[in-house]
Protein backbone atom coordinates (compact mmCIF):
# COMPACT_ATOMS: atom_id res chain seq x y z
CA UNK A 1 0.00 0.00 0.00
CA UNK A 2 1.17 3.52 -0.83
CA UNK A 3 3.04 5.07 2.09
CA UNK A 4 3.15 1.84 4.12
CA UNK A 5 6.91 2.15 4.68
CA UNK A 6 7.08 5.93 4.65
CA UNK A 7 8.18 8.03 7.62
CA UNK A 8 5.66 10.66 6.49
CA UNK A 9 2.16 10.12 7.96
CA UNK A 10 0.58 12.07 5.09
CA UNK A 11 1.48 9.20 2.74
CA UNK A 12 -0.96 6.97 4.58
CA UNK A 13 -3.58 9.59 5.44
CA UNK A 14 -3.95 10.75 1.84
CA UNK A 15 -3.00 7.56 0.02
CA UNK A 16 -6.01 7.65 -2.33
CA UNK A 17 -5.49 11.28 -3.31
CA UNK A 18 -1.76 10.68 -3.80
CA UNK A 19 -2.48 7.70 -6.05
CA UNK A 20 -4.79 9.90 -8.14
CA UNK A 21 -2.14 12.62 -8.43
CA UNK A 22 0.47 10.05 -9.51
CA UNK A 23 -1.85 8.27 -11.94
CA UNK A 24 -0.48 8.55 -15.52
CA UNK A 25 -2.41 11.05 -17.64
CA UNK A 26 -4.51 9.58 -20.42
CA UNK A 27 -3.14 9.71 -24.00
CA UNK A 28 -5.92 12.17 -24.87
CA UNK A 29 -4.97 14.43 -21.97
CA UNK A 30 -1.30 14.31 -22.97
CA UNK A 31 -2.14 15.17 -26.58
CA UNK A 32 -4.37 18.10 -25.61
CA UNK A 33 -1.81 19.47 -23.15
CA UNK A 34 1.11 19.43 -25.57
CA UNK A 35 -0.95 20.64 -28.53
CA UNK A 36 -1.88 23.68 -26.43
CA UNK A 37 1.74 24.10 -25.31
CA UNK A 38 3.07 24.01 -28.89
CA UNK A 39 0.49 26.61 -29.89
CA UNK A 40 1.27 28.81 -26.87
CA UNK A 41 5.01 28.56 -27.52
CA UNK A 42 4.35 29.49 -31.18
CA UNK A 43 6.31 26.51 -32.50
CA UNK A 44 4.79 25.68 -35.89
CA UNK A 45 6.38 22.61 -37.35
CA UNK A 46 6.37 20.52 -34.17
CA UNK A 47 4.09 17.88 -32.69
CA UNK A 48 4.39 15.86 -29.51
CA UNK A 49 3.38 12.22 -29.90
CA UNK A 50 2.92 9.69 -27.12
CA UNK A 51 3.05 5.92 -27.07
CA UNK A 52 3.02 3.52 -24.13
CA UNK A 53 6.09 1.79 -25.54
CA UNK A 54 8.42 4.77 -26.07
CA UNK A 55 6.72 7.56 -24.12
CA UNK A 56 6.73 11.13 -25.43
CA UNK A 57 8.63 12.25 -28.52
CA UNK A 58 8.70 15.36 -30.71
CA UNK A 59 8.25 15.09 -34.47
CA UNK A 60 8.67 17.61 -37.26
CA UNK A 61 5.55 18.56 -39.19
CA UNK A 62 7.65 20.48 -41.73
CA UNK A 63 11.18 20.32 -43.08
CA UNK A 64 13.97 22.03 -41.12
CA UNK A 65 17.26 22.91 -42.81
CA UNK A 66 20.65 22.59 -41.11
CA UNK A 67 21.19 25.53 -38.73
CA UNK A 68 17.49 26.44 -38.73
CA UNK A 69 15.77 27.47 -35.52
CA UNK A 70 13.48 24.70 -34.25
CA UNK A 71 12.21 25.68 -30.82
CA UNK A 72 12.48 28.25 -28.06
CA UNK A 73 11.09 26.80 -24.84
CA UNK A 74 10.53 28.90 -21.70
CA UNK A 75 11.24 27.20 -18.39
CA UNK A 76 8.46 25.64 -16.38
CA UNK A 77 10.57 26.03 -13.25
CA UNK A 78 14.24 26.91 -12.75
CA UNK A 79 16.73 28.18 -10.23
CA UNK A 80 20.16 29.80 -10.34
CA UNK A 81 22.84 27.90 -8.44
CA UNK A 82 23.44 29.61 -5.11
CA UNK A 83 27.22 29.85 -5.57
CA UNK A 84 26.71 31.45 -8.99
CA UNK A 85 24.87 34.37 -7.39
CA UNK A 86 28.21 35.84 -6.36
CA UNK A 87 29.29 36.03 -9.99
CA UNK A 88 26.06 36.99 -11.74
CA UNK A 89 23.16 39.27 -10.90
CA UNK A 90 20.25 38.07 -13.03
CA UNK A 91 16.47 38.27 -13.14
CA UNK A 92 15.05 35.62 -10.84
CA UNK A 93 12.29 34.85 -13.35
CA UNK A 94 13.79 34.98 -16.85
CA UNK A 95 17.49 34.90 -15.82
CA UNK A 96 18.51 37.83 -17.98
CA UNK A 97 21.52 39.83 -16.67
CA UNK A 98 20.36 43.06 -15.04
CA UNK A 99 21.67 46.39 -13.78
CA UNK A 100 24.72 47.46 -15.76
CA UNK A 101 28.16 46.25 -16.74
CA UNK A 102 29.53 48.46 -13.97
CA UNK A 103 27.22 46.90 -11.37
CA UNK A 104 28.05 43.36 -12.51
CA UNK A 105 31.82 43.99 -12.23
CA UNK A 106 31.76 46.09 -9.06
CA UNK A 107 29.37 43.79 -7.21
CA UNK A 108 31.38 40.67 -8.01
CA UNK A 109 34.69 42.17 -6.90
CA UNK A 110 33.08 43.65 -3.79
CA UNK A 111 31.58 40.32 -2.73
CA UNK A 112 34.86 38.56 -3.40
CA UNK A 113 36.61 41.13 -1.23
CA UNK A 114 34.12 40.32 1.53
CA UNK A 115 35.29 36.74 1.25
CA UNK A 116 32.26 35.19 -0.46
CA UNK A 117 33.99 32.64 -2.67
CA UNK A 118 32.00 31.76 -5.77
CA UNK A 119 32.91 28.08 -5.60
CA UNK A 120 32.34 27.66 -1.88
CA UNK A 121 29.52 30.04 -1.02
CA UNK A 122 26.30 28.26 -0.20
CA UNK A 123 24.35 31.29 1.00
CA UNK A 124 22.04 33.44 -1.05
CA UNK A 125 23.73 36.78 -1.69
CA UNK A 126 22.03 40.08 -2.29
CA UNK A 127 22.73 42.35 -5.22
CA UNK A 128 24.05 45.37 -3.36
CA UNK A 129 26.62 45.59 -0.56
CA UNK A 130 24.33 47.36 1.85
CA UNK A 131 21.96 44.41 1.55
CA UNK A 132 24.46 41.72 2.47
CA UNK A 133 22.98 40.22 5.61
CA UNK A 134 24.38 41.21 8.99
CA UNK A 135 25.24 37.63 9.96
CA UNK A 136 27.35 37.21 6.81
CA UNK A 137 29.23 40.43 7.45
CA UNK A 138 29.86 39.46 11.07
CA UNK A 139 31.26 36.10 10.03
CA UNK A 140 33.44 37.63 7.34
CA UNK A 141 34.96 40.12 9.77
CA UNK A 142 35.77 37.33 12.17
CA UNK A 143 37.23 35.15 9.39
CA UNK A 144 35.00 32.31 10.53
CA UNK A 145 33.03 29.47 9.05
CA UNK A 146 29.30 30.12 9.16
CA UNK A 147 27.39 26.98 10.10
CA UNK A 148 23.75 26.60 9.23
CA UNK A 149 21.02 25.85 11.74
CA UNK A 150 21.29 22.37 13.23
CA UNK A 151 24.47 21.83 11.22
CA UNK A 152 22.39 21.45 8.08
CA UNK A 153 24.87 23.20 5.84
CA UNK A 154 27.79 25.56 5.89
CA UNK A 155 29.31 28.38 3.92
CA UNK A 156 32.97 29.16 3.71
CA UNK A 157 34.04 32.80 3.73
CA UNK A 158 37.53 34.01 2.88
CA UNK A 159 38.54 37.32 4.37
CA UNK A 160 41.27 38.11 1.90
CA UNK A 161 41.81 41.07 -0.40
CA UNK A 162 42.22 39.29 -3.71
CA UNK A 163 42.25 42.41 -5.88
CA UNK A 164 43.83 45.84 -5.80
CA UNK A 165 40.71 47.88 -6.64
CA UNK A 166 39.87 50.35 -3.84
CA UNK A 167 36.53 49.79 -2.15
CA UNK A 168 35.49 53.35 -3.05
CA UNK A 169 35.91 52.54 -6.74
CA UNK A 170 33.84 49.36 -6.43
CA UNK A 171 31.09 51.27 -4.64
CA UNK A 172 31.14 53.92 -7.38
CA UNK A 173 30.71 51.21 -9.99
CA UNK A 174 27.78 49.75 -8.11
CA UNK A 175 25.96 52.97 -7.35
CA UNK A 176 26.37 54.33 -10.89
CA UNK A 177 28.63 57.30 -10.18
CA UNK A 178 31.52 55.77 -12.15
CA UNK A 179 31.00 54.82 -15.79
CA UNK A 180 33.28 52.65 -17.86
CA UNK A 181 33.97 53.42 -21.54
CA UNK A 182 31.56 52.00 -24.14
CA UNK A 183 29.24 50.27 -21.67
CA UNK A 184 26.32 52.05 -23.34
CA UNK A 185 26.66 49.48 -26.11
CA UNK A 186 25.95 46.75 -23.54
CA UNK A 187 22.95 48.26 -21.77
CA UNK A 188 21.14 45.94 -19.35
CA UNK A 189 17.61 46.15 -17.91
CA UNK A 190 17.20 48.05 -14.66
CA UNK A 191 16.95 46.17 -11.37
CA UNK A 192 13.47 45.69 -9.89
CA UNK A 193 13.27 44.48 -6.30
CA UNK A 194 11.02 41.72 -5.02
CA UNK A 195 7.47 43.07 -4.45
CA UNK A 196 7.39 41.18 -1.15
CA UNK A 197 10.47 42.95 0.17
CA UNK A 198 12.89 40.04 0.38
CA UNK A 199 16.50 40.72 -0.52
CA UNK A 200 17.17 37.44 -2.32
CA UNK A 201 15.27 37.98 -5.57
CA UNK A 202 15.62 40.73 -8.19
CA UNK A 203 14.07 41.20 -11.61
CA UNK A 204 14.56 42.79 -15.01
CA UNK A 205 11.07 44.33 -15.11
CA UNK A 206 7.86 44.74 -13.20
CA UNK A 207 6.36 42.15 -15.54
CA UNK A 208 8.87 39.50 -14.46
CA UNK A 209 8.54 40.49 -10.80
CA UNK A 210 4.76 40.15 -10.95
CA UNK A 211 4.93 36.91 -12.95
CA UNK A 212 7.29 35.30 -10.45
CA UNK A 213 5.16 36.52 -7.55
CA UNK A 214 2.00 35.08 -9.07
CA UNK A 215 3.62 31.82 -10.21
CA UNK A 216 5.96 30.89 -7.33
CA UNK A 217 7.45 33.52 -5.13
CA UNK A 218 4.49 34.88 -3.15
CA UNK A 219 4.54 31.66 -1.10
CA UNK A 220 8.34 31.28 -0.91
CA UNK A 221 9.23 34.94 -0.23
CA UNK A 222 11.22 35.55 2.94
CA UNK A 223 10.28 39.22 3.10
CA UNK A 224 7.87 38.58 5.92
CA UNK A 225 7.73 39.73 9.51
CA UNK A 226 11.15 39.04 10.98
CA UNK A 227 9.50 37.30 13.93
CA UNK A 228 7.51 34.97 11.68
CA UNK A 229 8.10 31.26 12.34
CA UNK A 230 7.19 30.54 8.71
CA UNK A 231 9.79 33.00 7.49
CA UNK A 232 12.45 31.42 9.69
CA UNK A 233 11.50 27.97 8.41
CA UNK A 234 11.74 29.20 4.81
CA UNK A 235 15.23 30.58 5.45
CA UNK A 236 16.17 27.27 7.06
CA UNK A 237 14.81 25.38 4.05
CA UNK A 238 16.84 27.51 1.61
CA UNK A 239 19.95 27.04 3.71
CA UNK A 240 19.43 23.29 3.78
CA UNK A 241 18.92 23.15 0.01
CA UNK A 242 21.97 25.28 -0.68
CA UNK A 243 24.05 23.11 1.61
CA UNK A 244 22.86 19.78 0.19
CA UNK A 245 21.13 19.89 -3.21
CA UNK A 246 19.40 22.86 -4.84
CA UNK A 247 17.04 20.43 -6.55
CA UNK A 248 14.94 20.94 -3.40
CA UNK A 249 14.45 24.60 -4.40
CA UNK A 250 12.92 23.40 -7.67
CA UNK A 251 10.61 21.03 -5.79
CA UNK A 252 9.48 23.87 -3.51
CA UNK A 253 8.73 26.00 -6.57
CA UNK A 254 6.60 23.20 -8.05
CA UNK A 255 4.56 22.90 -4.84
CA UNK A 256 4.22 26.67 -4.58
CA UNK A 257 3.13 26.89 -8.22
CA UNK A 258 0.52 24.17 -7.73
CA UNK A 259 -0.89 25.80 -4.58
CA UNK A 260 -1.17 29.19 -6.27
CA UNK A 261 -2.85 27.68 -9.31
CA UNK A 262 -5.23 25.76 -7.04
CA UNK A 263 -6.15 28.99 -5.22
CA UNK A 264 -6.84 30.72 -8.53
CA UNK A 265 -9.04 27.89 -9.80
CA UNK A 266 -10.94 27.83 -6.54
CA UNK A 267 -11.56 31.58 -6.62
CA UNK A 268 -12.92 31.26 -10.15
CA UNK A 269 -15.23 28.40 -9.21
CA UNK A 270 -16.45 30.19 -6.09
CA UNK A 271 -17.16 33.31 -8.13
CA UNK A 272 -19.15 31.31 -10.68
CA UNK A 273 -21.31 29.62 -8.06
CA UNK A 274 -21.16 31.22 -4.62
CA UNK A 275 -23.90 28.95 -3.28
CA UNK A 276 -22.12 25.77 -4.33
CA UNK A 277 -19.31 25.84 -1.79
CA UNK A 278 -17.50 27.96 0.69
CA UNK A 279 -14.09 29.25 -0.31
CA UNK A 280 -12.32 27.25 2.38
CA UNK A 281 -13.75 23.88 1.32
CA UNK A 282 -11.47 21.34 -0.34
CA UNK A 283 -12.15 20.41 -3.95
CA UNK A 284 -9.73 17.71 -5.02
CA UNK A 285 -10.66 17.96 -8.67
CA UNK A 286 -9.23 21.49 -8.68
CA UNK A 287 -5.99 20.25 -7.12
CA UNK A 288 -5.75 17.64 -9.89
CA UNK A 289 -6.23 20.38 -12.48
CA UNK A 290 -3.60 22.59 -10.82
CA UNK A 291 -1.21 19.61 -10.80
CA UNK A 292 -1.75 18.80 -14.50
CA UNK A 293 1.40 20.40 -15.92
CA UNK A 294 3.55 18.55 -13.38
CA UNK A 295 1.82 15.23 -13.99
CA UNK A 296 3.14 15.31 -17.56
CA UNK A 297 6.77 15.20 -16.42
CA UNK A 298 7.38 12.86 -13.49
CA UNK A 299 8.26 9.16 -13.80
CA UNK A 300 10.01 7.79 -10.71
CA UNK A 301 10.82 8.71 -7.14
CA UNK A 302 14.17 10.43 -6.62
CA UNK A 303 15.72 7.78 -4.40
CA UNK A 304 14.73 5.08 -6.93
CA UNK A 305 16.14 6.79 -10.03
CA UNK A 306 19.20 8.71 -8.84
CA UNK A 307 22.36 7.20 -10.27
CA UNK A 308 24.60 5.29 -7.89
CA UNK A 309 27.80 7.37 -7.40
CA UNK A 310 31.04 5.77 -8.54
CA UNK A 311 32.45 5.78 -5.01
CA UNK A 312 29.51 3.79 -3.60
CA UNK A 313 29.94 0.02 -3.65
CA UNK A 314 26.99 -1.79 -5.32
CA UNK A 315 26.57 -3.82 -2.14
CA UNK A 316 25.77 -0.56 -0.32
CA UNK A 317 23.15 0.56 -2.83
CA UNK A 318 20.17 -0.06 -0.55
CA UNK A 319 21.77 1.96 2.24
CA UNK A 320 22.64 4.76 -0.19
CA UNK A 321 19.07 5.00 -1.47
CA UNK A 322 17.72 5.06 2.06
CA UNK A 323 20.05 7.96 2.88
CA UNK A 324 18.74 9.83 -0.17
CA UNK A 325 15.17 9.17 0.96
CA UNK A 326 15.98 10.43 4.46
CA UNK A 327 17.57 13.57 2.99
CA UNK A 328 14.41 14.27 1.01
CA UNK A 329 12.27 13.73 4.11
CA UNK A 330 14.40 16.18 6.11
CA UNK A 331 13.96 18.80 3.37
CA UNK A 332 10.21 18.15 3.20
CA UNK A 333 9.77 18.50 6.95
CA UNK A 334 11.39 21.95 6.89
CA UNK A 335 9.35 23.01 3.87
CA UNK A 336 6.12 21.94 5.60
CA UNK A 337 6.96 24.23 8.52
CA UNK A 338 7.26 27.10 6.06
CA UNK A 339 4.36 26.76 3.60
CA UNK A 340 2.04 23.87 4.56
CA UNK A 341 -1.62 24.32 3.60
CA UNK A 342 -4.35 21.94 4.77
CA UNK A 343 -6.28 22.03 1.50
CA UNK A 344 -3.18 20.94 -0.43
CA UNK A 345 -1.89 18.46 2.16
CA UNK A 346 -1.25 15.62 -0.36
CA UNK A 347 1.40 17.80 -2.03
CA UNK A 348 3.43 17.59 1.20
CA UNK A 349 3.58 13.80 1.26
CA UNK A 350 6.98 12.20 0.83
CA UNK A 351 5.64 10.16 -2.10
CA UNK A 352 4.72 13.30 -4.05
CA UNK A 353 7.91 15.10 -3.02
CA UNK A 354 9.99 12.16 -4.19
CA UNK A 355 8.29 12.10 -7.59
CA UNK A 356 8.74 15.84 -8.06
CA UNK A 357 12.46 15.61 -7.35
CA UNK A 358 12.71 12.50 -9.51
CA UNK A 359 11.23 14.46 -12.40
CA UNK A 360 14.11 16.92 -12.16
CA UNK A 361 16.68 14.17 -11.67
CA UNK A 362 15.69 12.57 -14.98
CA UNK A 363 14.67 15.62 -17.01
CA UNK A 364 16.39 18.75 -15.74
CA UNK A 365 18.80 20.58 -17.99
CA UNK A 366 21.53 23.09 -17.39
CA UNK A 367 20.38 26.69 -17.33
CA UNK A 368 23.04 28.80 -19.04
CA UNK A 369 22.99 32.49 -19.96
CA UNK A 370 26.16 34.03 -21.39
CA UNK A 371 27.66 36.95 -19.50
CA UNK A 372 27.59 40.39 -21.15
CA UNK A 373 30.73 41.18 -19.13
CA UNK A 374 32.66 38.76 -21.31
CA UNK A 375 31.31 40.44 -24.47
CA UNK A 376 32.25 43.82 -23.04
CA UNK A 377 35.90 42.96 -22.40
CA UNK A 378 36.18 41.30 -25.82
CA UNK A 379 34.84 44.49 -27.38
CA UNK A 380 37.41 46.58 -25.52
CA UNK A 381 40.19 44.24 -26.61
CA UNK A 382 39.12 44.58 -30.26
CA UNK A 383 39.15 48.39 -30.27
CA UNK A 384 41.70 50.07 -32.55
CA UNK A 385 44.61 51.93 -31.02
CA UNK A 386 44.83 54.47 -29.42
CA UNK A 387 41.16 54.13 -28.39
CA UNK A 388 41.94 50.71 -26.89
CA UNK A 389 44.82 52.04 -24.77
CA UNK A 390 42.66 54.87 -23.47
CA UNK A 391 39.80 52.52 -22.52
CA UNK A 392 42.13 50.00 -20.90
CA UNK A 393 43.42 52.59 -18.44
CA UNK A 394 40.12 52.02 -16.63
CA UNK A 395 39.21 48.48 -17.65
CA UNK A 396 42.52 46.58 -17.42
CA UNK A 397 42.83 46.77 -13.59
CA UNK A 398 39.27 45.44 -13.32
CA UNK A 399 39.95 42.64 -15.79
CA UNK A 400 43.13 41.66 -13.95
CA UNK A 401 41.26 41.60 -10.63
CA UNK A 402 38.53 39.44 -12.09
CA UNK A 403 41.10 37.06 -13.57
CA UNK A 404 39.87 33.92 -15.26
CA UNK A 405 36.45 34.39 -13.65
CA UNK A 406 35.59 37.47 -15.72
CA UNK A 407 33.51 35.44 -18.19
CA UNK A 408 31.47 33.28 -15.79
CA UNK A 409 27.96 32.85 -17.14
CA UNK A 410 24.69 32.50 -15.26
CA UNK A 411 24.37 28.85 -14.28
CA UNK A 412 21.49 26.94 -12.84
CA UNK A 413 19.14 24.05 -13.44
CA UNK A 414 15.78 24.08 -15.18
CA UNK A 415 12.90 21.99 -16.42
CA UNK A 416 11.71 22.73 -19.97
CA UNK A 417 8.32 21.13 -20.75
CA UNK A 418 8.84 20.70 -24.49
CA UNK A 419 12.57 20.06 -24.60
CA UNK A 420 12.09 17.38 -21.93
CA UNK A 421 9.99 15.48 -24.49
CA UNK A 422 12.93 15.22 -26.90
CA UNK A 423 14.48 11.79 -26.92
CA UNK A 424 18.19 11.05 -26.97
CA UNK A 425 20.22 9.91 -29.94
CA UNK A 426 23.98 9.46 -30.19
CA UNK A 427 23.55 10.79 -33.73
CA UNK A 428 21.15 13.68 -33.01
CA UNK A 429 19.61 15.91 -35.64
CA UNK A 430 19.25 18.90 -33.27
CA UNK A 431 21.04 20.51 -30.33
CA UNK A 432 20.62 23.16 -27.67
CA UNK A 433 22.39 26.28 -28.90
CA UNK A 434 22.06 29.88 -27.71
CA UNK A 435 22.22 32.47 -30.49
CA UNK A 436 23.54 36.00 -30.01
CA UNK A 437 20.00 37.32 -29.58
CA UNK A 438 19.09 34.79 -26.86
CA UNK A 439 19.74 36.70 -23.63
CA UNK A 440 17.51 34.83 -21.17
CA UNK A 441 17.12 31.35 -19.71
CA UNK A 442 14.86 29.88 -22.37
CA UNK A 443 16.02 26.72 -24.14
CA UNK A 444 16.84 27.16 -27.82
CA UNK A 445 17.00 24.17 -30.18
CA UNK A 446 18.72 24.36 -33.56
CA UNK A 447 18.80 21.72 -36.34
CA UNK A 448 22.30 20.31 -36.89
CA UNK A 449 21.30 18.57 -40.11
CA UNK A 450 18.26 18.61 -42.41
CA UNK A 451 15.18 17.21 -40.65
CA UNK A 452 12.44 15.83 -42.87
CA UNK A 453 8.73 16.21 -42.28
CA UNK A 454 7.55 13.34 -40.10
CA UNK A 455 11.04 12.69 -38.65
CA UNK A 456 11.60 12.55 -34.89
CA UNK A 457 13.65 15.45 -33.53
CA UNK A 458 16.39 14.18 -31.24
CA UNK A 459 19.12 15.71 -29.10
CA UNK A 460 22.04 14.18 -27.22
CA UNK A 461 21.89 13.99 -23.45
CA UNK A 462 25.64 13.39 -23.26
CA UNK A 463 28.85 14.00 -25.23
CA UNK A 464 28.08 11.95 -28.32
CA UNK A 465 31.76 11.90 -29.33
CA UNK A 466 32.54 9.42 -26.56
CA UNK A 467 33.14 5.73 -27.36
CA UNK A 468 30.19 3.32 -27.31
CA UNK A 469 30.90 1.88 -23.86
CA UNK A 470 31.28 5.25 -22.18
CA UNK A 471 28.09 6.56 -23.79
CA UNK A 472 26.10 3.55 -22.59
CA UNK A 473 27.47 3.93 -19.06
CA UNK A 474 26.46 7.59 -18.91
CA UNK A 475 23.03 6.96 -20.40
CA UNK A 476 22.39 4.23 -17.83
CA UNK A 477 22.11 7.12 -15.34
CA UNK A 478 19.02 8.21 -17.28
CA UNK A 479 17.50 4.78 -16.84
CA UNK A 480 17.75 3.36 -20.35
CA UNK A 481 20.03 1.52 -22.75
CA UNK A 482 20.48 3.46 -25.97
CA UNK A 483 19.44 1.59 -29.12
CA UNK A 484 19.80 4.47 -31.57
CA UNK A 485 21.08 3.66 -35.10
CA UNK A 486 24.63 4.61 -34.18
CA UNK A 487 24.68 2.41 -31.08
CA UNK A 488 23.26 -0.50 -33.05
CA UNK A 489 26.08 -0.04 -35.58
CA UNK A 490 28.77 0.12 -32.88
CA UNK A 491 27.38 -2.55 -30.57
CA UNK A 492 29.96 -5.30 -29.99
CA UNK A 493 29.07 -8.45 -31.88
Foldseek 3Di string as FASTA:
>chain_A
DFCPPPPFVLRVVCVVLLCVLQPFDDQVLLQVVVVVVCVVQVQQQWGWHADPVPGIFIFGQAKAFAFGFGGWFQFPFWAFQQLCQLQFDAAGQFGFGADFLLLNLLSNLVQVQLFQHSVFALAQAFSDPVPGDPVSSVCSVVQHKAAAPPNLATGHGGNDNLADDDNVSSVCSNVVVDDAPPRVVVHGAHWADQPLQARRGIHRDVVRNVVCCLQAVVQLGLSDPPPDQLSVLSSNLSSNCSGPPVLLVRLNRLLRRLVSQLLVVLVVVCVVPVPPDDSPDADSVSSSVSSSLVSSQFDDFQLVQADDDPVDDPVCSVVVSVVVLVSLLVSLVSNCSNRNDPSNSSCSGSRNSRRSSRSQQQQKDKFWFWDVQVVVVVVLVPDDPPSSVVSCVPVVSSDVSCDPVRTDTGIIIGGGSPVSSAAADLDFQKEFDDDPPDRTRITIIGGNRMRRRRGTGHYHPDNSVDDLVVSQVVCVSSVDGDPHPVNVVRPDD
